[in-house]
Amino acid sequence: MVSFSIDRDYLVAALTDLVRIDSVNPSLVSGGAGESQIAAHVAEKLKALGMSVRTLEATTGRPSVVGKLKGSGGGRSLMLNAHLDTVGIDGMTDALAPKVRDGRLYGRGAYDMKGSLAACLATVKALVDAKADMRGDLVLAAVADEEYASIGTAEVVRQIPVHAAIVTEPTEMDLCVAHKGFVWLEVETLGKAAHGSRFFEGIDANMRMGRFLGQLDRLEQELRARPPHPLVGPPSLHAPTVHGGSELSTYAASCRLGIERRTVPGETEASVRAE
């Protein structure tokens, strides 16, 4: 029987190095560093562990890195998936200067989810150090853009087939076996700008959006009343952003509404749009 042990020093050093690299998602924060630097760093870490490495970059400047530890053959393949990008660092002090306090490491991305990526690297190292005889391949996918639209995982899924995967997103050790999908929509209503005193010329785009929101509210209630999926519950939607008008004395010429629609298995983007 093979004995495994985790190299804690390697784990902490790997996480420290990852947190120091700015990988703020540019789709969330204008001018964000993106994943190029951290992807290159992870690629070197994977090579050092003896994995064959591929970089996937269908979207320029948004690379994902995939390492494969080849099995002896005849077994099922498993992917460990972790993302490279983080949300922004505005308002944080020393966000990219990780510090260990009371056994915890602090810094942007340490929890979500560079800690998990470091754990994946340490797992591969434990297997390599133990000279584990695996029949199936072990794949480690370090992906771009999870915080926005998951273009990295979408690309990996298209190009790297595996039998099973563990997404190592932190869940406080609770096993999560399913998750809702999402569709983001934007709706615009058009009006006609005019001074507030000239009601006979102005058309209020915000008022028009209000009528639409009334219909949307009825749809949201109907979605929640549907028979729930056994793992993720019913579908849902919310209206997180509304932007319209320019000043109090002027009719709004346009209004834009953002919608997030959470989907359950069996639903498609087309069916969501049709509703």
Protein backbone atom coordinates (compact mmCIF):
# COMPACT_ATOMS: atom_id res chain seq x y z
CA MET A 1 0.00 0.00 0.00
CA VAL A 2 1.41 3.41 -1.01
CA SER A 3 1.79 6.00 1.76
CA PHE A 4 1.13 9.66 0.91
CA SER A 5 2.21 12.79 2.73
CA ILE A 6 1.67 16.45 1.96
CA ASP A 7 4.75 18.65 1.85
CA ARG A 8 3.49 21.54 3.97
CA ASP A 9 6.47 23.76 3.24
CA TYR A 10 5.89 23.31 -0.50
CA LEU A 11 2.18 24.05 -0.04
CA VAL A 12 2.73 27.30 1.87
CA ALA A 13 5.48 28.46 -0.49
CA ALA A 14 3.33 27.70 -3.54
CA LEU A 15 0.40 29.65 -2.13
CA THR A 16 2.62 32.57 -1.11
CA ASP A 17 4.03 32.82 -4.63
CA LEU A 18 0.56 32.64 -6.20
CA VAL A 19 -0.89 35.38 -4.00
CA ARG A 20 2.03 37.69 -4.82
CA ILE A 21 1.11 37.60 -8.51
CA ASP A 22 -1.55 40.11 -9.55
CA SER A 23 -4.24 38.24 -11.49
CA VAL A 24 -7.24 40.56 -11.17
CA ASN A 25 -9.83 39.72 -13.81
CA PRO A 26 -9.89 42.49 -16.46
CA SER A 27 -13.51 41.72 -17.29
CA LEU A 28 -14.39 42.81 -13.75
CA VAL A 29 -11.86 45.61 -13.24
CA SER A 30 -10.75 47.81 -16.12
CA GLY A 31 -7.00 47.45 -16.52
CA GLY A 32 -6.86 44.28 -14.43
CA ALA A 33 -3.65 42.29 -14.84
CA GLY A 34 -5.35 39.14 -16.11
CA GLU A 35 -3.90 35.66 -16.04
CA SER A 36 -0.83 35.77 -18.32
CA GLN A 37 1.83 36.13 -15.62
CA ILE A 38 0.30 33.68 -13.18
CA ALA A 39 -0.38 31.16 -15.97
CA ALA A 40 3.29 31.20 -16.94
CA HIS A 41 4.27 30.70 -13.30
CA VAL A 42 1.89 27.75 -12.86
CA ALA A 43 3.13 26.19 -16.12
CA GLU A 44 6.66 26.12 -14.70
CA LYS A 45 5.40 24.58 -11.44
CA LEU A 46 3.61 21.83 -13.38
CA LYS A 47 6.67 21.09 -15.51
CA ALA A 48 8.79 20.86 -12.36
CA LEU A 49 6.41 18.15 -11.12
CA GLY A 50 6.97 16.15 -14.29
CA MET A 51 3.61 16.89 -15.88
CA SER A 52 3.13 17.46 -19.60
CA VAL A 53 1.82 21.00 -19.99
CA ARG A 54 -0.48 22.79 -22.43
CA THR A 55 -1.48 26.43 -22.48
CA LEU A 56 -4.91 27.19 -23.96
CA GLU A 57 -5.64 30.76 -25.03
CA ALA A 58 -8.62 31.04 -27.36
CA THR A 59 -9.11 34.58 -26.01
CA THR A 60 -5.90 36.58 -26.36
CA GLY A 61 -4.40 37.50 -23.01
CA ARG A 62 -6.62 35.09 -21.07
CA PRO A 63 -4.62 31.82 -20.86
CA SER A 64 -5.44 28.64 -18.98
CA VAL A 65 -2.79 26.04 -18.15
CA VAL A 66 -3.36 22.28 -18.13
CA GLY A 67 -0.92 19.72 -16.74
CA LYS A 68 -1.26 15.97 -17.17
CA LEU A 69 0.31 13.24 -15.02
CA LYS A 70 0.11 10.19 -17.24
CA GLY A 71 -1.27 6.97 -15.82
CA SER A 72 -0.15 3.47 -16.75
CA GLY A 73 -3.33 2.90 -18.78
CA GLY A 74 -6.73 1.32 -18.45
CA GLY A 75 -8.02 3.62 -15.72
CA ARG A 76 -10.37 6.56 -15.52
CA SER A 77 -9.04 10.10 -15.77
CA LEU A 78 -9.64 12.77 -13.14
CA MET A 79 -9.33 16.55 -13.45
CA LEU A 80 -8.59 18.89 -10.56
CA ASN A 81 -9.85 22.35 -11.54
CA ALA A 82 -8.90 25.67 -9.94
CA HIS A 83 -9.03 29.22 -11.29
CA LEU A 84 -6.22 31.73 -11.68
CA ASP A 85 -8.14 35.02 -11.61
CA THR A 86 -9.28 37.09 -8.65
CA VAL A 87 -11.68 39.94 -8.03
CA GLY A 88 -10.31 43.46 -7.50
CA ILE A 89 -8.00 44.78 -4.79
CA ASP A 90 -9.38 48.32 -4.35
CA GLY A 91 -9.58 49.25 -0.69
CA MET A 92 -7.22 46.48 0.38
CA THR A 93 -3.88 47.13 2.11
CA ASP A 94 -1.00 44.88 1.02
CA ALA A 95 -3.36 42.72 -1.00
CA LEU A 96 -0.44 41.12 -2.85
CA ALA A 97 1.83 40.80 0.19
CA PRO A 98 0.69 37.53 1.79
CA LYS A 99 1.05 37.16 5.54
CA VAL A 100 0.62 34.11 7.76
CA ARG A 101 -1.16 34.69 11.07
CA ASP A 102 -2.39 32.00 13.45
CA GLY A 103 -1.94 29.28 10.84
CA ARG A 104 -3.82 31.14 8.09
CA LEU A 105 -2.41 32.89 5.05
CA TYR A 106 -3.99 36.24 4.13
CA GLY A 107 -3.92 38.08 0.79
CA ARG A 108 -6.11 38.60 -2.27
CA GLY A 109 -7.08 35.22 -3.69
CA ALA A 110 -5.74 33.17 -0.80
CA TYR A 111 -9.24 31.79 -0.18
CA ASP A 112 -10.83 32.23 -3.60
CA MET A 113 -9.06 30.28 -4.83
CA LYS A 114 -5.29 30.27 -4.96
CA GLY A 115 -5.31 28.20 -1.77
CA SER A 116 -7.12 25.47 -3.66
CA LEU A 117 -4.70 25.74 -6.59
CA ALA A 118 -1.77 25.39 -4.21
CA ALA A 119 -3.49 22.35 -2.68
CA CYS A 120 -3.84 20.81 -6.16
CA LEU A 121 -0.11 21.34 -6.78
CA ALA A 122 0.72 19.79 -3.41
CA THR A 123 -1.52 16.82 -4.23
CA VAL A 124 0.33 16.17 -7.48
CA LYS A 125 3.65 16.47 -5.64
CA ALA A 126 2.49 13.92 -3.05
CA LEU A 127 1.64 11.45 -5.82
CA VAL A 128 4.94 12.03 -7.58
CA ASP A 129 6.97 11.75 -4.36
CA ALA A 130 5.19 8.49 -3.47
CA LYS A 131 5.76 7.12 -6.98
CA ALA A 132 2.07 6.25 -7.04
CA ASP A 133 1.03 3.71 -9.66
CA MET A 134 -2.03 5.31 -11.27
CA ARG A 135 -3.84 3.59 -14.11
CA GLY A 136 -5.75 6.71 -15.11
CA ASP A 137 -4.42 10.17 -15.96
CA LEU A 138 -4.50 13.01 -13.43
CA VAL A 139 -5.16 16.40 -15.01
CA LEU A 140 -4.66 19.74 -13.24
CA ALA A 141 -6.46 22.62 -14.96
CA ALA A 142 -5.62 26.16 -13.81
CA VAL A 143 -8.21 28.22 -15.64
CA ALA A 144 -8.88 31.84 -16.55
CA ASP A 145 -11.95 33.99 -15.97
CA GLU A 146 -13.94 32.03 -13.40
CA GLU A 147 -14.93 35.26 -11.69
CA TYR A 148 -16.75 36.54 -14.79
CA ALA A 149 -17.80 34.14 -17.56
CA SER A 150 -15.63 31.02 -17.12
CA ILE A 151 -14.15 31.18 -20.60
CA GLY A 152 -11.18 29.17 -19.33
CA THR A 153 -13.11 26.16 -18.12
CA ALA A 154 -15.31 26.28 -21.23
CA GLU A 155 -12.17 26.01 -23.38
CA VAL A 156 -10.65 23.27 -21.23
CA VAL A 157 -13.84 21.19 -21.38
CA ARG A 158 -13.84 21.42 -25.18
CA GLN A 159 -10.24 20.33 -25.56
CA ILE A 160 -9.37 18.11 -22.58
CA PRO A 161 -11.84 15.23 -22.13
CA VAL A 162 -11.80 13.46 -18.76
CA HIS A 163 -14.04 10.96 -17.00
CA ALA A 164 -14.61 13.08 -13.90
CA ALA A 165 -13.61 16.38 -12.33
CA ILE A 166 -13.32 17.99 -8.93
CA VAL A 167 -13.74 21.76 -8.96
CA THR A 168 -11.75 22.73 -5.89
CA GLU A 169 -13.69 25.91 -5.14
CA PRO A 170 -13.81 26.44 -1.34
CA THR A 171 -17.00 25.06 0.21
CA GLU A 172 -15.94 24.82 3.90
CA MET A 173 -15.49 21.05 3.32
CA ASP A 174 -19.14 20.53 2.38
CA LEU A 175 -19.42 18.37 -0.75
CA CYS A 176 -21.18 20.27 -3.55
CA VAL A 177 -22.30 18.03 -6.41
CA ALA A 178 -24.25 20.51 -8.56
CA HIS A 179 -24.59 24.22 -9.21
CA LYS A 180 -26.93 26.45 -11.16
CA GLY A 181 -25.82 27.98 -14.42
CA PHE A 182 -26.48 31.58 -15.40
CA VAL A 183 -27.41 33.79 -18.32
CA TRP A 184 -26.71 37.53 -18.22
CA LEU A 185 -29.07 39.75 -20.19
CA GLU A 186 -29.30 43.49 -20.82
CA VAL A 187 -32.53 45.23 -21.74
CA GLU A 188 -32.74 48.82 -22.99
CA THR A 189 -35.83 50.99 -23.21
CA LEU A 190 -35.75 54.11 -25.38
CA GLY A 191 -37.43 57.43 -24.70
CA LYS A 192 -37.05 61.01 -25.89
CA ALA A 193 -35.14 63.65 -23.97
CA ALA A 194 -37.01 66.88 -23.22
CA HIS A 195 -37.21 69.42 -20.42
CA GLY A 196 -39.53 68.38 -17.63
CA SER A 197 -41.83 71.30 -18.36
CA ARG A 198 -42.47 70.05 -21.91
CA PHE A 199 -44.32 66.84 -21.13
CA PHE A 200 -45.89 66.83 -24.58
CA GLU A 201 -42.41 66.35 -26.15
CA GLY A 202 -40.69 64.04 -23.66
CA ILE A 203 -40.92 60.25 -23.48
CA ASP A 204 -39.67 58.75 -20.20
CA ALA A 205 -37.50 55.66 -20.80
CA ASN A 206 -37.40 54.98 -17.07
CA MET A 207 -41.19 54.77 -16.90
CA ARG A 208 -41.13 52.34 -19.80
CA MET A 209 -38.55 50.24 -17.96
CA GLY A 210 -40.85 50.26 -14.94
CA ARG A 211 -43.56 48.55 -17.01
CA PHE A 212 -41.04 45.96 -18.13
CA LEU A 213 -39.92 45.39 -14.52
CA GLY A 214 -43.51 44.73 -13.55
CA GLN A 215 -43.68 41.92 -16.11
CA LEU A 216 -40.26 40.66 -15.02
CA ASP A 217 -41.40 40.46 -11.41
CA ARG A 218 -44.28 38.22 -12.43
CA LEU A 219 -41.87 35.96 -14.33
CA GLU A 220 -39.56 35.78 -11.31
CA GLN A 221 -42.44 34.65 -9.08
CA GLU A 222 -43.49 32.05 -11.65
CA LEU A 223 -39.93 30.67 -11.86
CA ARG A 224 -39.74 30.17 -8.11
CA ALA A 225 -43.07 28.33 -8.16
CA ARG A 226 -41.83 25.72 -10.65
CA PRO A 227 -41.08 22.18 -9.41
CA PRO A 228 -37.55 22.41 -8.00
CA HIS A 229 -34.61 20.48 -9.37
CA PRO A 230 -33.66 17.87 -6.73
CA LEU A 231 -30.10 19.22 -6.39
CA VAL A 232 -30.25 22.96 -7.09
CA GLY A 233 -33.86 23.98 -6.51
CA PRO A 234 -35.97 26.14 -8.84
CA PRO A 235 -34.67 28.62 -11.42
CA SER A 236 -34.55 32.27 -10.42
CA LEU A 237 -33.70 35.74 -11.66
CA HIS A 238 -32.92 39.16 -10.27
CA ALA A 239 -32.39 42.67 -11.63
CA PRO A 240 -29.07 43.83 -10.12
CA THR A 241 -28.45 47.04 -12.11
CA VAL A 242 -30.62 49.85 -13.52
CA HIS A 243 -29.12 52.92 -15.21
CA GLY A 244 -31.26 55.63 -16.77
CA GLY A 245 -31.57 59.36 -17.17
CA SER A 246 -29.15 62.25 -16.75
CA GLU A 247 -30.72 64.87 -14.43
CA LEU A 248 -33.88 65.56 -12.48
CA SER A 249 -35.32 68.15 -14.86
CA THR A 250 -34.97 66.04 -18.03
CA TYR A 251 -36.98 63.13 -19.42
CA ALA A 252 -34.77 60.02 -19.60
CA ALA A 253 -33.78 59.23 -23.18
CA SER A 254 -32.74 55.66 -22.37
CA CYS A 255 -32.65 53.16 -19.54
CA ARG A 256 -30.55 49.99 -19.27
CA LEU A 257 -31.39 47.05 -17.05
CA GLY A 258 -29.04 44.17 -16.17
CA ILE A 259 -30.59 40.78 -15.45
CA GLU A 260 -29.02 37.64 -14.05
CA ARG A 261 -31.05 34.50 -14.70
CA ARG A 262 -29.96 31.40 -12.78
CA THR A 263 -30.63 28.21 -14.73
CA VAL A 264 -31.21 24.59 -13.77
CA PRO A 265 -30.26 21.45 -15.74
CA GLY A 266 -32.33 21.17 -18.92
CA GLU A 267 -32.63 24.91 -19.50
CA THR A 268 -30.80 26.66 -22.34
CA GLU A 269 -29.84 30.20 -23.24
CA ALA A 270 -32.44 30.07 -26.03
CA SER A 271 -35.24 29.07 -23.64
CA VAL A 272 -34.27 31.83 -21.21
CA ARG A 273 -34.34 34.44 -23.98
CA ALA A 274 -37.70 33.15 -25.21
CA GLU A 275 -39.25 33.72 -21.78
